[in-house]
Amino acid sequence: MKTFVSVLHVIFSLLVIASIFMQPSKVYGLSTTISGGAETFFGKNKSRTMEAKLQRLTVISMVLFVITSMVLVYLSNH
């Protein structure tokens, strides 16, 4: 059981790293702010973009990483 959870833990950690590296940079500069950067922020399709999907993947994989961490601690103490 501990080996299986350890393998899942490594998979989730690699998934967190990959999803963070695939996300675009948040530094846009002054020209984007002036030329309508707020328009894309309040757009209707914000939740359908690749950026939103990567963000959701990062959150889900991070939650699973924390859960497997707690399970590994529990298994190592019992």
PDB file of N, CA and C in Angstrom:
ATOM      1  N   MET A   1       0.828  -1.201   0.000  1.00  0.00           N
ATOM      2  CA  MET A   1       0.000   0.000   0.000  1.00  0.00           C
ATOM      3  C   MET A   1       0.867   1.258   0.000  1.00  0.00           C
ATOM      4  N   LYS A   2       1.931   1.228   0.795  1.00  0.00           N
ATOM      5  CA  LYS A   2       2.801   2.392   0.887  1.00  0.00           C
ATOM      6  C   LYS A   2       3.526   2.639  -0.442  1.00  0.00           C
ATOM      7  N   THR A   3       3.880   1.582  -1.134  1.00  0.00           N
ATOM      8  CA  THR A   3       4.555   1.718  -2.423  1.00  0.00           C
ATOM      9  C   THR A   3       3.620   2.331  -3.467  1.00  0.00           C
ATOM     10  N   PHE A   4       2.387   1.882  -3.459  1.00  0.00           N
ATOM     11  CA  PHE A   4       1.395   2.416  -4.408  1.00  0.00           C
ATOM     12  C   PHE A   4       1.167   3.907  -4.170  1.00  0.00           C
ATOM     13  N   VAL A   5       1.027   4.302  -2.918  1.00  0.00           N
ATOM     14  CA  VAL A   5       0.813   5.720  -2.596  1.00  0.00           C
ATOM     15  C   VAL A   5       2.063   6.527  -2.932  1.00  0.00           C
ATOM     16  N   SER A   6       3.232   5.949  -2.743  1.00  0.00           N
ATOM     17  CA  SER A   6       4.474   6.649  -3.091  1.00  0.00           C
ATOM     18  C   SER A   6       4.574   6.891  -4.589  1.00  0.00           C
ATOM     19  N   VAL A   7       4.173   5.906  -5.380  1.00  0.00           N
ATOM     20  CA  VAL A   7       4.187   6.079  -6.833  1.00  0.00           C
ATOM     21  C   VAL A   7       3.194   7.166  -7.248  1.00  0.00           C
ATOM     22  N   LEU A   8       1.998   7.156  -6.658  1.00  0.00           N
ATOM     23  CA  LEU A   8       1.018   8.213  -6.938  1.00  0.00           C
ATOM     24  C   LEU A   8       1.566   9.586  -6.533  1.00  0.00           C
ATOM     25  N   HIS A   9       2.259   9.633  -5.425  1.00  0.00           N
ATOM     26  CA  HIS A   9       2.831  10.884  -4.924  1.00  0.00           C
ATOM     27  C   HIS A   9       3.835  11.457  -5.930  1.00  0.00           C
ATOM     28  N   VAL A  10       4.678  10.607  -6.467  1.00  0.00           N
ATOM     29  CA  VAL A  10       5.669  11.050  -7.457  1.00  0.00           C
ATOM     30  C   VAL A  10       4.972  11.512  -8.736  1.00  0.00           C
ATOM     31  N   ILE A  11       3.953  10.791  -9.168  1.00  0.00           N
ATOM     32  CA  ILE A  11       3.211  11.180 -10.376  1.00  0.00           C
ATOM     33  C   ILE A  11       2.548  12.538 -10.185  1.00  0.00           C
ATOM     34  N   PHE A  12       1.920  12.747  -9.025  1.00  0.00           N
ATOM     35  CA  PHE A  12       1.269  14.035  -8.773  1.00  0.00           C
ATOM     36  C   PHE A  12       2.281  15.168  -8.669  1.00  0.00           C
ATOM     37  N   SER A  13       3.444  14.891  -8.100  1.00  0.00           N
ATOM     38  CA  SER A  13       4.463  15.939  -7.996  1.00  0.00           C
ATOM     39  C   SER A  13       4.970  16.335  -9.382  1.00  0.00           C
ATOM     40  N   LEU A  14       5.160  15.363 -10.264  1.00  0.00           N
ATOM     41  CA  LEU A  14       5.584  15.679 -11.631  1.00  0.00           C
ATOM     42  C   LEU A  14       4.490  16.418 -12.394  1.00  0.00           C
ATOM     43  N   LEU A  15       3.247  16.076 -12.123  1.00  0.00           N
ATOM     44  CA  LEU A  15       2.125  16.764 -12.760  1.00  0.00           C
ATOM     45  C   LEU A  15       2.032  18.219 -12.307  1.00  0.00           C
ATOM     46  N   VAL A  16       2.285  18.464 -11.029  1.00  0.00           N
ATOM     47  CA  VAL A  16       2.295  19.845 -10.513  1.00  0.00           C
ATOM     48  C   VAL A  16       3.403  20.646 -11.189  1.00  0.00           C
ATOM     49  N   ILE A  17       4.591  20.064 -11.259  1.00  0.00           N
ATOM     50  CA  ILE A  17       5.727  20.762 -11.867  1.00  0.00           C
ATOM     51  C   ILE A  17       5.446  21.069 -13.341  1.00  0.00           C
ATOM     52  N   ALA A  18       4.940  20.081 -14.070  1.00  0.00           N
ATOM     53  CA  ALA A  18       4.672  20.273 -15.498  1.00  0.00           C
ATOM     54  C   ALA A  18       3.581  21.316 -15.729  1.00  0.00           C
ATOM     55  N   SER A  19       2.530  21.269 -14.925  1.00  0.00           N
ATOM     56  CA  SER A  19       1.444  22.225 -15.137  1.00  0.00           C
ATOM     57  C   SER A  19       1.853  23.650 -14.778  1.00  0.00           C
ATOM     58  N   ILE A  20       2.737  23.792 -13.823  1.00  0.00           N
ATOM     59  CA  ILE A  20       3.230  25.137 -13.483  1.00  0.00           C
ATOM     60  C   ILE A  20       4.133  25.672 -14.583  1.00  0.00           C
ATOM     61  N   PHE A  21       4.996  24.823 -15.119  1.00  0.00           N
ATOM     62  CA  PHE A  21       5.896  25.278 -16.183  1.00  0.00           C
ATOM     63  C   PHE A  21       5.167  25.582 -17.489  1.00  0.00           C
ATOM     64  N   MET A  22       4.037  24.964 -17.737  1.00  0.00           N
ATOM     65  CA  MET A  22       3.308  25.188 -18.975  1.00  0.00           C
ATOM     66  C   MET A  22       2.447  26.449 -18.939  1.00  0.00           C
ATOM     67  N   GLN A  23       2.247  27.024 -17.764  1.00  0.00           N
ATOM     68  CA  GLN A  23       1.417  28.224 -17.663  1.00  0.00           C
ATOM     69  C   GLN A  23       2.175  29.435 -18.193  1.00  0.00           C
ATOM     70  N   PRO A  24       1.449  30.335 -18.854  1.00  0.00           N
ATOM     71  CA  PRO A  24       2.119  31.529 -19.391  1.00  0.00           C
ATOM     72  C   PRO A  24       2.482  32.512 -18.285  1.00  0.00           C
ATOM     73  N   SER A  25       3.400  33.373 -18.594  1.00  0.00           N
ATOM     74  CA  SER A  25       3.846  34.392 -17.654  1.00  0.00           C
ATOM     75  C   SER A  25       2.740  35.407 -17.400  1.00  0.00           C
ATOM     76  N   LYS A  26       2.674  35.942 -16.193  1.00  0.00           N
ATOM     77  CA  LYS A  26       1.657  36.944 -15.843  1.00  0.00           C
ATOM     78  C   LYS A  26       2.172  38.367 -16.014  1.00  0.00           C
ATOM     79  N   VAL A  27       3.406  38.548 -16.442  1.00  0.00           N
ATOM     80  CA  VAL A  27       3.988  39.870 -16.609  1.00  0.00           C
ATOM     81  C   VAL A  27       3.721  40.328 -18.036  1.00  0.00           C
ATOM     82  N   TYR A  28       2.845  41.312 -18.189  1.00  0.00           N
ATOM     83  CA  TYR A  28       2.473  41.791 -19.508  1.00  0.00           C
ATOM     84  C   TYR A  28       3.015  43.190 -19.803  1.00  0.00           C
ATOM     85  N   GLY A  29       3.229  43.977 -18.812  1.00  0.00           N
ATOM     86  CA  GLY A  29       3.744  45.312 -19.039  1.00  0.00           C
ATOM     87  C   GLY A  29       2.648  46.350 -19.159  1.00  0.00           C
ATOM     88  N   LEU A  30       3.053  47.589 -19.304  1.00  0.00           N
ATOM     89  CA  LEU A  30       2.127  48.716 -19.333  1.00  0.00           C
ATOM     90  C   LEU A  30       1.332  48.779 -20.627  1.00  0.00           C
ATOM     91  N   SER A  31       1.920  48.396 -21.732  1.00  0.00           N
ATOM     92  CA  SER A  31       1.217  48.524 -23.015  1.00  0.00           C
ATOM     93  C   SER A  31      -0.011  47.625 -23.077  1.00  0.00           C
ATOM     94  N   THR A  32       0.040  46.442 -22.491  1.00  0.00           N
ATOM     95  CA  THR A  32      -1.117  45.547 -22.488  1.00  0.00           C
ATOM     96  C   THR A  32      -2.231  46.101 -21.607  1.00  0.00           C
ATOM     97  N   THR A  33      -1.876  46.728 -20.525  1.00  0.00           N
ATOM     98  CA  THR A  33      -2.872  47.302 -19.632  1.00  0.00           C
ATOM     99  C   THR A  33      -3.625  48.436 -20.309  1.00  0.00           C
ATOM    100  N   ILE A  34      -2.921  49.259 -21.030  1.00  0.00           N
ATOM    101  CA  ILE A  34      -3.539  50.394 -21.699  1.00  0.00           C
ATOM    102  C   ILE A  34      -4.368  49.938 -22.895  1.00  0.00           C
ATOM    103  N   SER A  35      -3.903  48.924 -23.617  1.00  0.00           N
ATOM    104  CA  SER A  35      -4.564  48.543 -24.872  1.00  0.00           C
ATOM    105  C   SER A  35      -5.726  47.580 -24.700  1.00  0.00           C
ATOM    106  N   GLY A  36      -6.167  47.344 -23.497  1.00  0.00           N
ATOM    107  CA  GLY A  36      -7.362  46.533 -23.329  1.00  0.00           C
ATOM    108  C   GLY A  36      -7.130  45.200 -22.646  1.00  0.00           C
ATOM    109  N   GLY A  37      -6.180  45.118 -21.763  1.00  0.00           N
ATOM    110  CA  GLY A  37      -5.957  43.876 -21.033  1.00  0.00           C
ATOM    111  C   GLY A  37      -7.130  43.511 -20.151  1.00  0.00           C
ATOM    112  N   ALA A  38      -7.881  44.501 -19.691  1.00  0.00           N
ATOM    113  CA  ALA A  38      -9.052  44.234 -18.855  1.00  0.00           C
ATOM    114  C   ALA A  38     -10.168  43.587 -19.653  1.00  0.00           C
ATOM    115  N   GLU A  39     -10.187  43.824 -20.942  1.00  0.00           N
ATOM    116  CA  GLU A  39     -11.228  43.237 -21.780  1.00  0.00           C
ATOM    117  C   GLU A  39     -11.114  41.720 -21.821  1.00  0.00           C
ATOM    118  N   THR A  40      -9.899  41.191 -21.875  1.00  0.00           N
ATOM    119  CA  THR A  40      -9.723  39.740 -21.872  1.00  0.00           C
ATOM    120  C   THR A  40      -9.972  39.161 -20.485  1.00  0.00           C
ATOM    121  N   PHE A  41      -9.751  39.961 -19.458  1.00  0.00           N
ATOM    122  CA  PHE A  41      -9.977  39.484 -18.095  1.00  0.00           C
ATOM    123  C   PHE A  41     -11.460  39.240 -17.834  1.00  0.00           C
ATOM    124  N   PHE A  42     -12.303  40.112 -18.345  1.00  0.00           N
ATOM    125  CA  PHE A  42     -13.735  39.995 -18.118  1.00  0.00           C
ATOM    126  C   PHE A  42     -14.455  39.320 -19.284  1.00  0.00           C
ATOM    127  N   GLY A  43     -13.719  38.660 -20.155  1.00  0.00           N
ATOM    128  CA  GLY A  43     -14.325  38.030 -21.325  1.00  0.00           C
ATOM    129  C   GLY A  43     -15.222  36.866 -20.957  1.00  0.00           C
ATOM    130  N   LYS A  44     -16.120  36.512 -21.883  1.00  0.00           N
ATOM    131  CA  LYS A  44     -17.082  35.437 -21.634  1.00  0.00           C
ATOM    132  C   LYS A  44     -16.424  34.072 -21.643  1.00  0.00           C
ATOM    133  N   ASN A  45     -15.382  33.892 -22.418  1.00  0.00           N
ATOM    134  CA  ASN A  45     -14.759  32.582 -22.573  1.00  0.00           C
ATOM    135  C   ASN A  45     -13.522  32.414 -21.708  1.00  0.00           C
ATOM    136  N   LYS A  46     -13.436  33.141 -20.620  1.00  0.00           N
ATOM    137  CA  LYS A  46     -12.264  33.071 -19.751  1.00  0.00           C
ATOM    138  C   LYS A  46     -12.074  31.673 -19.177  1.00  0.00           C
ATOM    139  N   SER A  47     -13.164  30.986 -18.824  1.00  0.00           N
ATOM    140  CA  SER A  47     -13.041  29.664 -18.208  1.00  0.00           C
ATOM    141  C   SER A  47     -12.719  28.584 -19.234  1.00  0.00           C
ATOM    142  N   ARG A  48     -12.821  28.880 -20.517  1.00  0.00           N
ATOM    143  CA  ARG A  48     -12.570  27.880 -21.555  1.00  0.00           C
ATOM    144  C   ARG A  48     -11.170  27.961 -22.137  1.00  0.00           C
ATOM    145  N   THR A  49     -10.388  28.915 -21.713  1.00  0.00           N
ATOM    146  CA  THR A  49      -9.056  29.073 -22.272  1.00  0.00           C
ATOM    147  C   THR A  49      -8.117  28.006 -21.744  1.00  0.00           C
ATOM    148  N   MET A  50      -7.019  27.838 -22.444  1.00  0.00           N
ATOM    149  CA  MET A  50      -6.012  26.855 -22.032  1.00  0.00           C
ATOM    150  C   MET A  50      -5.411  27.247 -20.681  1.00  0.00           C
ATOM    151  N   GLU A  51      -5.287  28.543 -20.453  1.00  0.00           N
ATOM    152  CA  GLU A  51      -4.740  29.029 -19.187  1.00  0.00           C
ATOM    153  C   GLU A  51      -5.619  28.606 -18.011  1.00  0.00           C
ATOM    154  N   ALA A  52      -6.929  28.699 -18.173  1.00  0.00           N
ATOM    155  CA  ALA A  52      -7.850  28.303 -17.109  1.00  0.00           C
ATOM    156  C   ALA A  52      -7.801  26.798 -16.873  1.00  0.00           C
ATOM    157  N   LYS A  53      -7.655  26.041 -17.941  1.00  0.00           N
ATOM    158  CA  LYS A  53      -7.563  24.583 -17.796  1.00  0.00           C
ATOM    159  C   LYS A  53      -6.275  24.185 -17.091  1.00  0.00           C
ATOM    160  N   LEU A  54      -5.179  24.866 -17.422  1.00  0.00           N
ATOM    161  CA  LEU A  54      -3.921  24.577 -16.729  1.00  0.00           C
ATOM    162  C   LEU A  54      -3.985  24.972 -15.259  1.00  0.00           C
ATOM    163  N   GLN A  55      -4.662  26.060 -14.985  1.00  0.00           N
ATOM    164  CA  GLN A  55      -4.829  26.490 -13.599  1.00  0.00           C
ATOM    165  C   GLN A  55      -5.636  25.462 -12.810  1.00  0.00           C
ATOM    166  N   ARG A  56      -6.703  24.965 -13.403  1.00  0.00           N
ATOM    167  CA  ARG A  56      -7.537  23.952 -12.752  1.00  0.00           C
ATOM    168  C   ARG A  56      -6.745  22.656 -12.545  1.00  0.00           C
ATOM    169  N   LEU A  57      -5.948  22.269 -13.547  1.00  0.00           N
ATOM    170  CA  LEU A  57      -5.118  21.075 -13.434  1.00  0.00           C
ATOM    171  C   LEU A  57      -4.091  21.230 -12.318  1.00  0.00           C
ATOM    172  N   THR A  58      -3.518  22.417 -12.195  1.00  0.00           N
ATOM    173  CA  THR A  58      -2.544  22.676 -11.140  1.00  0.00           C
ATOM    174  C   THR A  58      -3.179  22.562  -9.760  1.00  0.00           C
ATOM    175  N   VAL A  59      -4.351  23.138  -9.593  1.00  0.00           N
ATOM    176  CA  VAL A  59      -5.028  23.086  -8.297  1.00  0.00           C
ATOM    177  C   VAL A  59      -5.399  21.650  -7.935  1.00  0.00           C
ATOM    178  N   ILE A  60      -5.960  20.911  -8.886  1.00  0.00           N
ATOM    179  CA  ILE A  60      -6.369  19.535  -8.607  1.00  0.00           C
ATOM    180  C   ILE A  60      -5.165  18.658  -8.290  1.00  0.00           C
ATOM    181  N   SER A  61      -4.107  18.783  -9.073  1.00  0.00           N
ATOM    182  CA  SER A  61      -2.925  17.960  -8.816  1.00  0.00           C
ATOM    183  C   SER A  61      -2.239  18.349  -7.510  1.00  0.00           C
ATOM    184  N   MET A  62      -2.300  19.621  -7.142  1.00  0.00           N
ATOM    185  CA  MET A  62      -1.706  20.042  -5.868  1.00  0.00           C
ATOM    186  C   MET A  62      -2.497  19.499  -4.686  1.00  0.00           C
ATOM    187  N   VAL A  63      -3.814  19.495  -4.793  1.00  0.00           N
ATOM    188  CA  VAL A  63      -4.648  18.932  -3.730  1.00  0.00           C
ATOM    189  C   VAL A  63      -4.360  17.437  -3.577  1.00  0.00           C
ATOM    190  N   LEU A  64      -4.275  16.732  -4.697  1.00  0.00           N
ATOM    191  CA  LEU A  64      -3.969  15.302  -4.643  1.00  0.00           C
ATOM    192  C   LEU A  64      -2.567  15.052  -4.087  1.00  0.00           C
ATOM    193  N   PHE A  65      -1.622  15.928  -4.402  1.00  0.00           N
ATOM    194  CA  PHE A  65      -0.271  15.825  -3.855  1.00  0.00           C
ATOM    195  C   PHE A  65      -0.276  15.963  -2.333  1.00  0.00           C
ATOM    196  N   VAL A  66      -1.041  16.920  -1.832  1.00  0.00           N
ATOM    197  CA  VAL A  66      -1.123  17.126  -0.377  1.00  0.00           C
ATOM    198  C   VAL A  66      -1.806  15.935   0.295  1.00  0.00           C
ATOM    199  N   ILE A  67      -2.843  15.407  -0.334  1.00  0.00           N
ATOM    200  CA  ILE A  67      -3.541  14.243   0.238  1.00  0.00           C
ATOM    201  C   ILE A  67      -2.618  13.045   0.295  1.00  0.00           C
ATOM    202  N   THR A  68      -1.876  12.791  -0.787  1.00  0.00           N
ATOM    203  CA  THR A  68      -0.947  11.652  -0.759  1.00  0.00           C
ATOM    204  C   THR A  68       0.184  11.880   0.243  1.00  0.00           C
ATOM    205  N   SER A  69       0.570  13.122   0.455  1.00  0.00           N
ATOM    206  CA  SER A  69       1.578  13.420   1.479  1.00  0.00           C
ATOM    207  C   SER A  69       1.070  13.047   2.871  1.00  0.00           C
ATOM    208  N   MET A  70      -0.175  13.420   3.153  1.00  0.00           N
ATOM    209  CA  MET A  70      -0.751  13.090   4.459  1.00  0.00           C
ATOM    210  C   MET A  70      -0.937  11.586   4.626  1.00  0.00           C
ATOM    211  N   VAL A  71      -1.325  10.906   3.559  1.00  0.00           N
ATOM    212  CA  VAL A  71      -1.485   9.449   3.632  1.00  0.00           C
ATOM    213  C   VAL A  71      -0.137   8.786   3.861  1.00  0.00           C
ATOM    214  N   LEU A  72       0.904   9.268   3.224  1.00  0.00           N
ATOM    215  CA  LEU A  72       2.244   8.699   3.431  1.00  0.00           C
ATOM    216  C   LEU A  72       2.724   8.912   4.865  1.00  0.00           C
ATOM    217  N   VAL A  73       2.443  10.058   5.430  1.00  0.00           N
ATOM    218  CA  VAL A  73       2.818  10.309   6.834  1.00  0.00           C
ATOM    219  C   VAL A  73       2.061   9.367   7.749  1.00  0.00           C
ATOM    220  N   TYR A  74       0.771   9.195   7.482  1.00  0.00           N
ATOM    221  CA  TYR A  74      -0.042   8.288   8.294  1.00  0.00           C
ATOM    222  C   TYR A  74       0.470   6.849   8.170  1.00  0.00           C
ATOM    223  N   LEU A  75       0.780   6.420   6.973  1.00  0.00           N
ATOM    224  CA  LEU A  75       1.256   5.048   6.776  1.00  0.00           C
ATOM    225  C   LEU A  75       2.637   4.816   7.392  1.00  0.00           C
ATOM    226  N   SER A  76       3.452   5.838   7.432  1.00  0.00           N
ATOM    227  CA  SER A  76       4.789   5.655   8.014  1.00  0.00           C
ATOM    228  C   SER A  76       4.729   5.621   9.544  1.00  0.00           C
ATOM    229  N   ASN A  77       3.678   6.185  10.136  1.00  0.00           N
ATOM    230  CA  ASN A  77       3.551   6.160  11.598  1.00  0.00           C
ATOM    231  C   ASN A  77       2.818   4.945  12.102  1.00  0.00           C
ATOM    232  N   HIS A  78       2.085   4.256  11.240  1.00  0.00           N
ATOM    233  CA  HIS A  78       1.318   3.091  11.682  1.00  0.00           C
ATOM    234  C   HIS A  78       1.750   1.833  11.019  1.00  0.00           C
TER     235      HIS A  78
END
